[in-house]
Every structure is written in C-alpha cells, then in structure tokens.
Amino acid sequence: MSKHTSLRVGGPAEALALPESRAELREVLELCRKHEVPVRILGAGFNTLVPDAGLRAAVVRLHGLRKLARSDDGRVLAEAGASHSRVTRFCAKEGLAGLEFAVGIPGTVGGWLAMNAGIREREMRDVVECIEFLDPATGKCQEMRAEQLRFRYRALEVPADVVLLKACFHTEPSDPEEVRERMRSFLAERRETQPIDQLSCGSVFKNPPGDYAGRLIDAAGLKGSGVGGAEISTVHANFIINRGGATATDVLQLMDQARAKVLQRFQIELEPEVRVWGEEL
C-alpha cells in the first residue's frame, strides 16, 4: 500500500480493485461480501496510515469514478474519485465560486466528504447540498440532502459500510479570474504554513477545543523530531513527513511521542485525525 498512500508507507493488502464504473464497483463489493472479505475504500490515500504488516482486506480505490459536471443551475457535480486539483481547476475554468477555500486540501471528493475537510472559517458542511452513496448490502444508490447529513469536526456520520459516490456542491457564478485569484491567495498561504510539497498524510491530530495541535506539539519542543525516516515537520508541527525510507512503525512511534509529550506538559490528550487502518479488522 506504500504505492497508494500519500506517506508512501504501508504493507500489502489482500487485493486491490480499481473499478472504472458503478457497475464494476457493485461487482467488486458483491464478490467481497460473498467471500466474506473485509473491504476498505480508498481515494488518493491521504489521511490514511497502513501498518507495515499490511491488511487482511481488499482495498477498493475509487480513482476511476471521477466525473465532473456543471448542473443547469450552476452547481458542481463531482464523483467521489475526482481529485482536489481537478475540482478546483474545474471551478476556476467554469467561473464558479464557493470552493476556493478547498484549493490545496489534498485528496478526493470522497475524502473531503468523509473528513468534512476544510479550514478554520469554512468546511464541507458549508458547501455540500447533497451526497449520493451506495449501500453494498442492497447494491442500491441513495441520496441524502444537506439537512439530512450529520457533519461534525473532521467527520461525516453515514450508515456503516456505505460507499460515498458523488456530491453536489453549492457554487455561484463568478468571474473566472476572480475565482483564480482567490485560489492563488489560499494556496500561497498554505504553501507558507504547511509542507504541501513533501510526503505527508495531511494533519495528523485533530485540534483540541480552543487550541491547535500544531501549536501544542511545537510548544512541547518536538518540531523537527524524528524516528527513522519520519519527522515532525519544521514548517507545521501537526504534519509528519517521510524524509525517505520511513515505515508505518516510525510514524506511529512519532505520533505516540507527540501525544505523550503534549499530555505530560499540557494535560491535553491529542486525538488522531489520520486513520490507522487494520486496527479494527
């Protein structure tokens, strides 16, 4: 899985499926259900840490489901496998405002939804009008409107085992160059404050109420600390980067060190934002 995750760490999965359509996705999920094989859904591999020993599960990557369209009333319709860069470029090209804040937030539409991705001022809950998902047990697609969705901090509560397929985002017509300029501003700020050009999984810990995980880790004197090939970024302490040759064990040990030091010094227990696969299988 090191070939399919943003940190470039992780051992083998039992199988990897790359469906190119909803029909193929249904077939894969039905096959796994029939043979009682656990399934993991993957987008671009951000916010995901796979153990070095690998997974006793089939990984289904949704990269093939990446259609983008503009609705008649100016909304953005995006399948779950569409990358963050394709969506934001599409909005700029079409002159659609509303998703500028998401430029540079890595991953796919499915990951954006599952993590309620965003920044301090705005997140997915503010722009999603509806989502479409597949229930593997029935093979049927269902839709949920914004008022039915339960977003919370860095999470979307949906029925267990469902697969996010598509989102409709609320956007408004705007001058394409103005949209591009706002995106350039957001991206410039992100480049100054986050190691977006280095191998990472995104933010490692959730921000505790009233504070920031990166500030706490930095104040605990851990910025730049490393284990093996993994290092707490000197740009932003809530990012762990792969300097080269890092393993999942290196990353997990560094996470444990950060949690222990912050707890010892500030009596605050950091909660991981990155999802460690395999722990519950």
Protein backbone atom coordinates (compact mmCIF):
# COMPACT_ATOMS: atom_id res chain seq x y z
CA MET A 1 0.00 0.00 0.00
CA SER A 2 3.03 2.29 0.08
CA LYS A 3 2.35 2.78 -3.65
CA HIS A 4 -1.16 4.06 -2.99
CA THR A 5 -0.87 6.27 0.11
CA SER A 6 0.45 9.82 0.34
CA LEU A 7 3.01 8.98 3.05
CA ARG A 8 4.40 6.17 0.89
CA VAL A 9 4.36 3.68 3.77
CA GLY A 10 2.37 0.52 4.44
CA GLY A 11 2.45 -3.19 3.65
CA PRO A 12 0.40 -5.30 1.24
CA ALA A 13 -3.36 -5.67 1.10
CA GLU A 14 -5.06 -8.96 0.22
CA ALA A 15 -6.22 -7.42 -3.05
CA LEU A 16 -6.52 -4.08 -4.83
CA ALA A 17 -9.50 -3.29 -7.05
CA LEU A 18 -9.73 -0.31 -9.40
CA PRO A 19 -13.34 -0.13 -10.63
CA GLU A 20 -13.97 2.19 -13.57
CA SER A 21 -17.73 2.41 -13.15
CA ARG A 22 -20.51 1.98 -10.63
CA ALA A 23 -21.36 -1.37 -12.17
CA GLU A 24 -17.82 -2.63 -11.63
CA LEU A 25 -17.85 -1.24 -8.08
CA ARG A 26 -21.03 -3.18 -7.32
CA GLU A 27 -19.49 -6.36 -8.70
CA VAL A 28 -16.36 -5.99 -6.59
CA LEU A 29 -18.30 -5.28 -3.42
CA GLU A 30 -20.66 -8.20 -4.05
CA LEU A 31 -17.71 -10.53 -4.64
CA CYS A 32 -16.08 -9.43 -1.38
CA ARG A 33 -19.36 -9.79 0.50
CA LYS A 34 -19.90 -13.28 -0.92
CA HIS A 35 -16.45 -14.43 0.19
CA GLU A 36 -16.58 -12.52 3.49
CA VAL A 37 -13.56 -10.41 2.61
CA PRO A 38 -13.34 -7.10 4.52
CA VAL A 39 -13.30 -4.04 2.29
CA ARG A 40 -11.50 -0.73 2.58
CA ILE A 41 -12.41 2.21 0.33
CA LEU A 42 -9.54 4.42 -0.77
CA GLY A 43 -9.37 7.74 -2.56
CA ALA A 44 -5.98 9.38 -3.05
CA GLY A 45 -4.53 7.78 0.08
CA PHE A 46 -4.31 10.90 2.23
CA ASN A 47 -5.24 10.81 5.91
CA THR A 48 -4.54 7.07 5.80
CA LEU A 49 -1.84 5.04 7.54
CA VAL A 50 -1.48 1.36 6.64
CA PRO A 51 0.59 -0.86 9.00
CA ASP A 52 3.85 -2.32 7.71
CA ALA A 53 2.37 -5.80 8.09
CA GLY A 54 -0.37 -4.85 5.64
CA LEU A 55 -4.11 -5.56 5.69
CA ARG A 56 -6.22 -8.68 5.64
CA ALA A 57 -8.69 -6.81 3.46
CA ALA A 58 -9.41 -5.87 -0.13
CA VAL A 59 -8.75 -2.22 -0.95
CA VAL A 60 -11.10 -0.64 -3.46
CA ARG A 61 -9.72 2.55 -4.96
CA LEU A 62 -12.29 4.92 -6.46
CA HIS A 63 -9.90 6.72 -8.81
CA GLY A 64 -11.97 5.57 -11.80
CA LEU A 65 -15.10 7.38 -10.56
CA ARG A 66 -14.00 10.94 -11.28
CA LYS A 67 -16.65 12.60 -13.46
CA LEU A 68 -17.20 16.34 -13.09
CA ALA A 69 -20.10 18.36 -14.40
CA ARG A 70 -21.88 21.67 -14.02
CA SER A 71 -25.60 21.45 -13.41
CA ASP A 72 -28.09 23.66 -15.23
CA ASP A 73 -28.44 25.84 -12.12
CA GLY A 74 -24.69 26.29 -11.68
CA ARG A 75 -23.89 23.60 -9.11
CA VAL A 76 -20.81 21.37 -9.25
CA LEU A 77 -21.48 17.63 -9.51
CA ALA A 78 -18.41 15.59 -8.64
CA GLU A 79 -17.88 11.86 -8.27
CA ALA A 80 -16.02 10.59 -5.22
CA GLY A 81 -12.80 9.77 -7.06
CA ALA A 82 -12.33 13.25 -8.52
CA SER A 83 -9.13 14.79 -7.15
CA HIS A 84 -8.99 18.06 -5.25
CA SER A 85 -6.96 19.68 -8.02
CA ARG A 86 -9.39 18.66 -10.79
CA VAL A 87 -12.36 20.02 -8.85
CA THR A 88 -10.80 23.37 -8.05
CA ARG A 89 -9.43 23.80 -11.60
CA PHE A 90 -12.92 22.99 -12.93
CA CYS A 91 -14.45 25.67 -10.70
CA ALA A 92 -11.89 28.23 -11.87
CA LYS A 93 -12.43 27.39 -15.53
CA GLU A 94 -16.22 27.50 -15.22
CA GLY A 95 -16.25 30.65 -13.08
CA LEU A 96 -17.93 29.01 -10.09
CA ALA A 97 -17.25 30.46 -6.64
CA GLY A 98 -17.60 28.72 -3.29
CA LEU A 99 -14.88 26.08 -3.20
CA GLU A 100 -11.84 28.36 -3.24
CA PHE A 101 -11.06 27.51 0.38
CA ALA A 102 -10.53 23.87 -0.61
CA VAL A 103 -7.65 24.54 -3.00
CA GLY A 104 -4.63 22.63 -1.79
CA ILE A 105 -6.60 20.44 0.63
CA PRO A 106 -5.32 17.12 -0.70
CA GLY A 107 -7.33 14.05 -1.54
CA THR A 108 -10.51 13.30 -3.44
CA VAL A 109 -14.13 14.37 -3.16
CA GLY A 110 -14.90 11.21 -1.19
CA GLY A 111 -12.15 12.04 1.28
CA TRP A 112 -13.29 15.65 1.52
CA LEU A 113 -16.76 14.45 2.48
CA ALA A 114 -15.70 11.69 4.87
CA MET A 115 -13.40 14.08 6.76
CA ASN A 116 -15.56 17.20 6.49
CA ALA A 117 -12.39 18.78 5.15
CA GLY A 118 -11.88 22.49 5.47
CA ILE A 119 -10.14 25.41 7.10
CA ARG A 120 -10.85 27.44 10.19
CA GLU A 121 -13.56 29.54 8.55
CA ARG A 122 -15.22 27.09 6.17
CA GLU A 123 -15.63 23.35 5.61
CA MET A 124 -17.53 20.86 3.50
CA ARG A 125 -20.69 21.11 5.55
CA ASP A 126 -20.99 24.72 4.32
CA VAL A 127 -20.98 23.86 0.62
CA VAL A 128 -22.49 20.37 0.24
CA GLU A 129 -26.09 20.31 -0.98
CA CYS A 130 -26.44 16.54 -1.22
CA ILE A 131 -24.45 13.34 -1.48
CA GLU A 132 -25.08 10.03 -3.19
CA PHE A 133 -23.88 6.77 -1.72
CA LEU A 134 -24.02 3.05 -2.42
CA ASP A 135 -25.28 0.54 0.11
CA PRO A 136 -23.22 -2.64 -0.50
CA ALA A 137 -25.80 -4.81 1.24
CA THR A 138 -28.53 -3.93 -1.27
CA GLY A 139 -26.49 -2.65 -4.21
CA LYS A 140 -28.75 0.40 -4.33
CA CYS A 141 -27.75 4.04 -4.59
CA GLN A 142 -29.35 6.54 -2.24
CA GLU A 143 -29.25 10.30 -1.88
CA MET A 144 -29.12 12.41 1.26
CA ARG A 145 -29.81 16.14 1.29
CA ALA A 146 -27.76 18.62 3.30
CA GLU A 147 -30.38 18.83 6.03
CA GLN A 148 -30.17 15.05 6.50
CA LEU A 149 -26.39 14.96 6.78
CA ARG A 150 -24.63 14.92 10.13
CA PHE A 151 -21.29 16.62 9.73
CA ARG A 152 -19.05 17.11 12.72
CA TYR A 153 -15.46 18.18 13.22
CA ARG A 154 -13.43 16.27 10.61
CA ALA A 155 -16.09 13.62 10.12
CA LEU A 156 -19.34 12.81 8.34
CA GLU A 157 -21.70 10.37 10.01
CA VAL A 158 -23.15 7.99 7.43
CA PRO A 159 -24.54 4.45 7.76
CA ALA A 160 -21.84 1.83 8.30
CA ASP A 161 -20.16 0.33 5.23
CA VAL A 162 -21.75 2.69 2.69
CA VAL A 163 -19.57 3.95 -0.16
CA LEU A 164 -19.67 7.66 -0.97
CA LEU A 165 -20.23 8.07 -4.71
CA LYS A 166 -20.96 11.68 -5.56
CA ALA A 167 -21.52 15.15 -4.17
CA CYS A 168 -23.39 18.22 -5.30
CA PHE A 169 -21.65 21.41 -4.19
CA HIS A 170 -23.32 24.79 -3.88
CA THR A 171 -21.44 27.27 -6.04
CA GLU A 172 -22.28 30.63 -7.56
CA PRO A 173 -21.39 32.21 -10.91
CA SER A 174 -18.38 34.50 -10.71
CA ASP A 175 -15.62 35.93 -12.87
CA PRO A 176 -13.15 33.10 -13.59
CA GLU A 177 -10.12 35.33 -12.95
CA GLU A 178 -11.53 36.42 -9.58
CA VAL A 179 -12.01 32.76 -8.62
CA ARG A 180 -8.43 32.00 -9.69
CA GLU A 181 -7.07 34.94 -7.71
CA ARG A 182 -8.82 33.82 -4.52
CA MET A 183 -7.47 30.31 -5.08
CA ARG A 184 -3.95 31.65 -5.59
CA SER A 185 -4.25 33.53 -2.30
CA PHE A 186 -5.40 30.43 -0.38
CA LEU A 187 -2.71 28.29 -1.99
CA ALA A 188 0.06 30.80 -1.25
CA GLU A 189 -0.92 30.86 2.42
CA ARG A 190 -0.99 27.06 2.51
CA ARG A 191 2.48 26.85 0.96
CA GLU A 192 3.85 29.21 3.60
CA THR A 193 2.34 27.36 6.54
CA GLN A 194 2.23 23.68 5.54
CA PRO A 195 4.70 21.22 3.96
CA ILE A 196 2.46 20.60 0.96
CA ASP A 197 5.37 19.71 -1.32
CA GLN A 198 6.64 16.91 0.94
CA LEU A 199 5.30 13.40 1.53
CA SER A 200 2.75 13.54 4.35
CA CYS A 201 -0.73 12.30 5.20
CA GLY A 202 -2.08 15.76 5.99
CA SER A 203 -2.88 16.88 9.54
CA VAL A 204 -2.02 14.10 11.98
CA PHE A 205 -4.09 15.17 15.01
CA LYS A 206 -7.41 16.92 15.46
CA ASN A 207 -7.29 20.35 17.05
CA PRO A 208 -8.45 20.16 20.68
CA PRO A 209 -11.18 22.59 21.74
CA GLY A 210 -9.82 26.11 21.95
CA ASP A 211 -6.32 25.26 20.79
CA TYR A 212 -4.27 23.86 17.91
CA ALA A 213 -2.49 20.53 17.79
CA GLY A 214 0.43 22.03 15.87
CA ARG A 215 0.96 24.76 18.47
CA LEU A 216 0.93 22.23 21.31
CA ILE A 217 3.40 19.89 19.60
CA ASP A 218 5.68 22.81 18.76
CA ALA A 219 5.49 24.16 22.33
CA ALA A 220 6.41 20.70 23.60
CA GLY A 221 9.68 21.08 21.69
CA LEU A 222 9.01 18.37 19.12
CA LYS A 223 9.18 20.27 15.83
CA GLY A 224 11.87 18.61 13.74
CA SER A 225 11.98 15.47 15.91
CA GLY A 226 12.27 12.21 14.06
CA VAL A 227 12.03 8.44 14.29
CA GLY A 228 13.69 6.53 11.48
CA GLY A 229 12.66 8.19 8.24
CA ALA A 230 9.68 10.02 9.76
CA GLU A 231 9.92 13.59 11.01
CA ILE A 232 7.63 16.16 12.61
CA SER A 233 7.66 18.94 10.04
CA THR A 234 9.66 22.07 10.78
CA VAL A 235 7.06 24.00 8.77
CA HIS A 236 3.98 22.83 10.70
CA ALA A 237 4.23 20.58 13.74
CA ASN A 238 0.92 18.82 13.05
CA PHE A 239 2.40 17.23 9.93
CA ILE A 240 4.64 14.18 9.86
CA ILE A 241 6.72 13.88 6.72
CA ASN A 242 8.53 10.97 5.13
CA ARG A 243 12.14 12.11 4.73
CA GLY A 244 12.88 8.91 2.84
CA GLY A 245 12.65 5.28 3.87
CA ALA A 246 10.10 5.86 6.63
CA THR A 247 7.93 2.98 7.80
CA ALA A 248 4.45 3.00 9.32
CA THR A 249 6.07 1.95 12.60
CA ASP A 250 8.27 5.06 12.50
CA VAL A 251 5.20 7.25 12.01
CA LEU A 252 3.21 5.54 14.77
CA GLN A 253 6.10 5.84 17.24
CA LEU A 254 6.45 9.54 16.43
CA MET A 255 2.72 10.01 16.95
CA ASP A 256 2.96 8.26 20.32
CA GLN A 257 5.83 10.54 21.34
CA ALA A 258 3.86 13.65 20.39
CA ARG A 259 0.77 12.53 22.30
CA ALA A 260 2.80 11.61 25.38
CA LYS A 261 4.76 14.89 25.47
CA VAL A 262 1.68 17.06 24.95
CA LEU A 263 -0.23 15.12 27.61
CA GLN A 264 2.66 15.41 30.05
CA ARG A 265 3.16 19.13 29.53
CA PHE A 266 -0.35 20.43 28.90
CA GLN A 267 -2.64 17.67 30.23
CA ILE A 268 -4.30 17.56 26.81
CA GLU A 269 -4.75 14.26 25.01
CA LEU A 270 -4.46 14.62 21.26
CA GLU A 271 -6.87 12.62 19.14
CA PRO A 272 -5.56 11.30 15.81
CA GLU A 273 -7.08 12.72 12.66
CA VAL A 274 -5.18 10.31 10.44
CA ARG A 275 -6.97 6.97 10.19
CA VAL A 276 -4.86 3.95 11.03
CA TRP A 277 -6.16 1.01 9.03
CA GLY A 278 -6.10 -2.52 10.32
CA GLU A 279 -6.63 -1.76 14.00
CA GLU A 280 -10.27 -2.84 13.94
CA LEU A 281 -10.09 -5.67 11.39
